[in-house]
Amino acid sequence: MGNCKSRNRYSFFFDTCLRHEHCRASAIARYDESGNLQRMTVLSERQISLARIIQSRK
């Protein structure tokens, strides 16, 4: 899978976003000062218009 260790001495994070039609996902990786992967968070969402939400509630 690759190396999960960073090469610098500072805490940092990396964020990437993927999109397909009405779906979107963001992946965030956070590393500690030693360069070890501390946490990985993935957020996904489905985009629909406000008009569709209102119409579906009628």
N, C-alpha and C. Protein backbone atom coordinates (compact mmCIF):
# COMPACT_ATOMS: atom_id res chain seq x y z
N MET A 1 0.80 -1.20 0.00
CA MET A 1 0.00 0.00 0.00
C MET A 1 0.84 1.25 0.00
N GLY A 2 2.00 1.28 0.34
CA GLY A 2 2.74 2.54 0.40
C GLY A 2 3.19 2.83 1.81
N ASN A 3 3.97 3.86 1.94
CA ASN A 3 4.54 4.22 3.23
C ASN A 3 3.64 5.23 3.93
N CYS A 4 3.32 4.97 5.21
CA CYS A 4 2.45 5.86 5.99
C CYS A 4 3.28 6.77 6.89
N LYS A 5 4.54 6.96 6.61
CA LYS A 5 5.41 7.77 7.45
C LYS A 5 5.88 9.00 6.68
N SER A 6 5.79 10.17 7.31
CA SER A 6 6.25 11.40 6.65
C SER A 6 7.74 11.58 6.89
N ARG A 7 8.34 12.50 6.15
CA ARG A 7 9.79 12.71 6.28
C ARG A 7 10.15 14.00 6.97
N ASN A 8 9.19 14.76 7.46
CA ASN A 8 9.56 15.99 8.16
C ASN A 8 9.21 15.87 9.64
N ARG A 9 9.58 16.86 10.43
CA ARG A 9 9.40 16.80 11.88
C ARG A 9 8.17 17.56 12.36
N TYR A 10 7.34 18.00 11.48
CA TYR A 10 6.19 18.81 11.85
C TYR A 10 4.88 18.06 11.62
N SER A 11 3.91 18.35 12.47
CA SER A 11 2.58 17.76 12.30
C SER A 11 1.93 18.38 11.06
N PHE A 12 1.32 17.56 10.23
CA PHE A 12 0.64 18.10 9.06
C PHE A 12 -0.53 17.20 8.68
N PHE A 13 -1.36 17.69 7.77
CA PHE A 13 -2.46 16.88 7.27
C PHE A 13 -2.52 17.01 5.75
N PHE A 14 -3.20 16.06 5.15
CA PHE A 14 -3.37 16.03 3.70
C PHE A 14 -4.85 15.82 3.41
N ASP A 15 -5.40 16.58 2.48
CA ASP A 15 -6.82 16.49 2.14
C ASP A 15 -6.96 16.33 0.64
N THR A 16 -7.78 15.39 0.22
CA THR A 16 -8.07 15.22 -1.20
C THR A 16 -9.57 15.02 -1.38
N CYS A 17 -10.07 15.44 -2.50
CA CYS A 17 -11.51 15.35 -2.75
C CYS A 17 -11.75 14.63 -4.07
N LEU A 18 -12.68 13.68 -4.06
CA LEU A 18 -13.07 12.96 -5.26
C LEU A 18 -14.54 13.25 -5.54
N ARG A 19 -14.89 13.35 -6.82
CA ARG A 19 -16.27 13.69 -7.17
C ARG A 19 -16.73 12.87 -8.37
N HIS A 20 -17.96 12.37 -8.30
CA HIS A 20 -18.57 11.65 -9.42
C HIS A 20 -20.06 11.93 -9.42
N GLU A 21 -20.56 12.51 -10.50
CA GLU A 21 -21.96 12.89 -10.63
C GLU A 21 -22.44 13.65 -9.41
N HIS A 22 -23.35 13.08 -8.62
CA HIS A 22 -23.91 13.79 -7.46
C HIS A 22 -23.25 13.37 -6.14
N CYS A 23 -22.18 12.63 -6.20
CA CYS A 23 -21.50 12.15 -4.99
C CYS A 23 -20.13 12.80 -4.87
N ARG A 24 -19.72 13.02 -3.63
CA ARG A 24 -18.41 13.62 -3.37
C ARG A 24 -17.84 12.97 -2.12
N ALA A 25 -16.55 12.74 -2.10
CA ALA A 25 -15.88 12.18 -0.93
C ALA A 25 -14.57 12.93 -0.69
N SER A 26 -14.29 13.21 0.56
CA SER A 26 -13.03 13.84 0.96
C SER A 26 -12.30 12.90 1.90
N ALA A 27 -11.01 12.75 1.70
CA ALA A 27 -10.18 11.93 2.58
C ALA A 27 -9.13 12.83 3.21
N ILE A 28 -9.02 12.75 4.53
CA ILE A 28 -8.08 13.59 5.27
C ILE A 28 -7.16 12.69 6.09
N ALA A 29 -5.87 12.84 5.90
CA ALA A 29 -4.88 12.07 6.66
C ALA A 29 -4.11 13.03 7.55
N ARG A 30 -3.97 12.68 8.82
CA ARG A 30 -3.24 13.53 9.76
C ARG A 30 -2.05 12.74 10.31
N TYR A 31 -0.90 13.39 10.29
CA TYR A 31 0.34 12.78 10.76
C TYR A 31 0.85 13.52 11.99
N ASP A 32 1.51 12.81 12.90
CA ASP A 32 2.08 13.47 14.08
C ASP A 32 3.49 13.97 13.77
N GLU A 33 4.13 14.54 14.79
CA GLU A 33 5.47 15.12 14.61
C GLU A 33 6.52 14.09 14.23
N SER A 34 6.29 12.82 14.56
CA SER A 34 7.24 11.76 14.22
C SER A 34 7.02 11.23 12.81
N GLY A 35 5.98 11.69 12.16
CA GLY A 35 5.70 11.25 10.80
C GLY A 35 4.81 10.03 10.71
N ASN A 36 4.26 9.59 11.84
CA ASN A 36 3.37 8.44 11.83
C ASN A 36 1.94 8.87 11.54
N LEU A 37 1.26 8.05 10.77
CA LEU A 37 -0.14 8.32 10.47
C LEU A 37 -0.93 8.26 11.77
N GLN A 38 -1.57 9.35 12.13
CA GLN A 38 -2.30 9.45 13.39
C GLN A 38 -3.78 9.14 13.20
N ARG A 39 -4.36 9.67 12.13
CA ARG A 39 -5.79 9.46 11.91
C ARG A 39 -6.11 9.64 10.44
N MET A 40 -7.06 8.83 9.96
CA MET A 40 -7.57 8.96 8.60
C MET A 40 -9.08 9.14 8.70
N THR A 41 -9.60 10.18 8.08
CA THR A 41 -11.03 10.47 8.11
C THR A 41 -11.54 10.58 6.68
N VAL A 42 -12.66 9.93 6.40
CA VAL A 42 -13.29 10.02 5.08
C VAL A 42 -14.70 10.55 5.26
N LEU A 43 -15.02 11.61 4.54
CA LEU A 43 -16.35 12.21 4.57
C LEU A 43 -16.98 12.01 3.20
N SER A 44 -18.21 11.52 3.19
CA SER A 44 -18.90 11.36 1.90
C SER A 44 -20.23 12.08 1.97
N GLU A 45 -20.64 12.60 0.84
CA GLU A 45 -21.93 13.29 0.79
C GLU A 45 -22.54 13.13 -0.59
N ARG A 46 -23.83 13.20 -0.60
CA ARG A 46 -24.59 13.14 -1.85
C ARG A 46 -25.24 14.49 -2.05
N GLN A 47 -25.00 15.10 -3.18
CA GLN A 47 -25.51 16.45 -3.45
C GLN A 47 -26.84 16.37 -4.18
N ILE A 48 -27.84 17.01 -3.57
CA ILE A 48 -29.13 17.17 -4.24
C ILE A 48 -29.54 18.62 -4.09
N SER A 49 -30.35 19.08 -4.98
CA SER A 49 -30.72 20.49 -4.95
C SER A 49 -31.78 20.76 -3.89
N LEU A 50 -31.84 21.98 -3.41
CA LEU A 50 -32.84 22.39 -2.44
C LEU A 50 -34.24 22.22 -3.02
N ALA A 51 -34.41 22.47 -4.30
CA ALA A 51 -35.71 22.30 -4.95
C ALA A 51 -36.19 20.86 -4.86
N ARG A 52 -35.28 19.89 -5.04
CA ARG A 52 -35.66 18.47 -4.93
C ARG A 52 -36.05 18.12 -3.51
N ILE A 53 -35.39 18.67 -2.52
CA ILE A 53 -35.73 18.39 -1.12
C ILE A 53 -37.13 18.92 -0.81
N ILE A 54 -37.41 20.14 -1.22
CA ILE A 54 -38.72 20.74 -0.96
C ILE A 54 -39.81 19.96 -1.70
N GLN A 55 -39.55 19.59 -2.94
CA GLN A 55 -40.53 18.84 -3.73
C GLN A 55 -40.82 17.49 -3.10
N SER A 56 -39.82 16.82 -2.54
CA SER A 56 -40.03 15.50 -1.95
C SER A 56 -40.82 15.56 -0.65
N ARG A 57 -40.89 16.70 -0.01
CA ARG A 57 -41.63 16.85 1.25
C ARG A 57 -43.10 17.19 1.04
N LYS A 58 -43.49 17.47 -0.18
CA LYS A 58 -44.90 17.83 -0.45
C LYS A 58 -45.78 16.62 -0.55
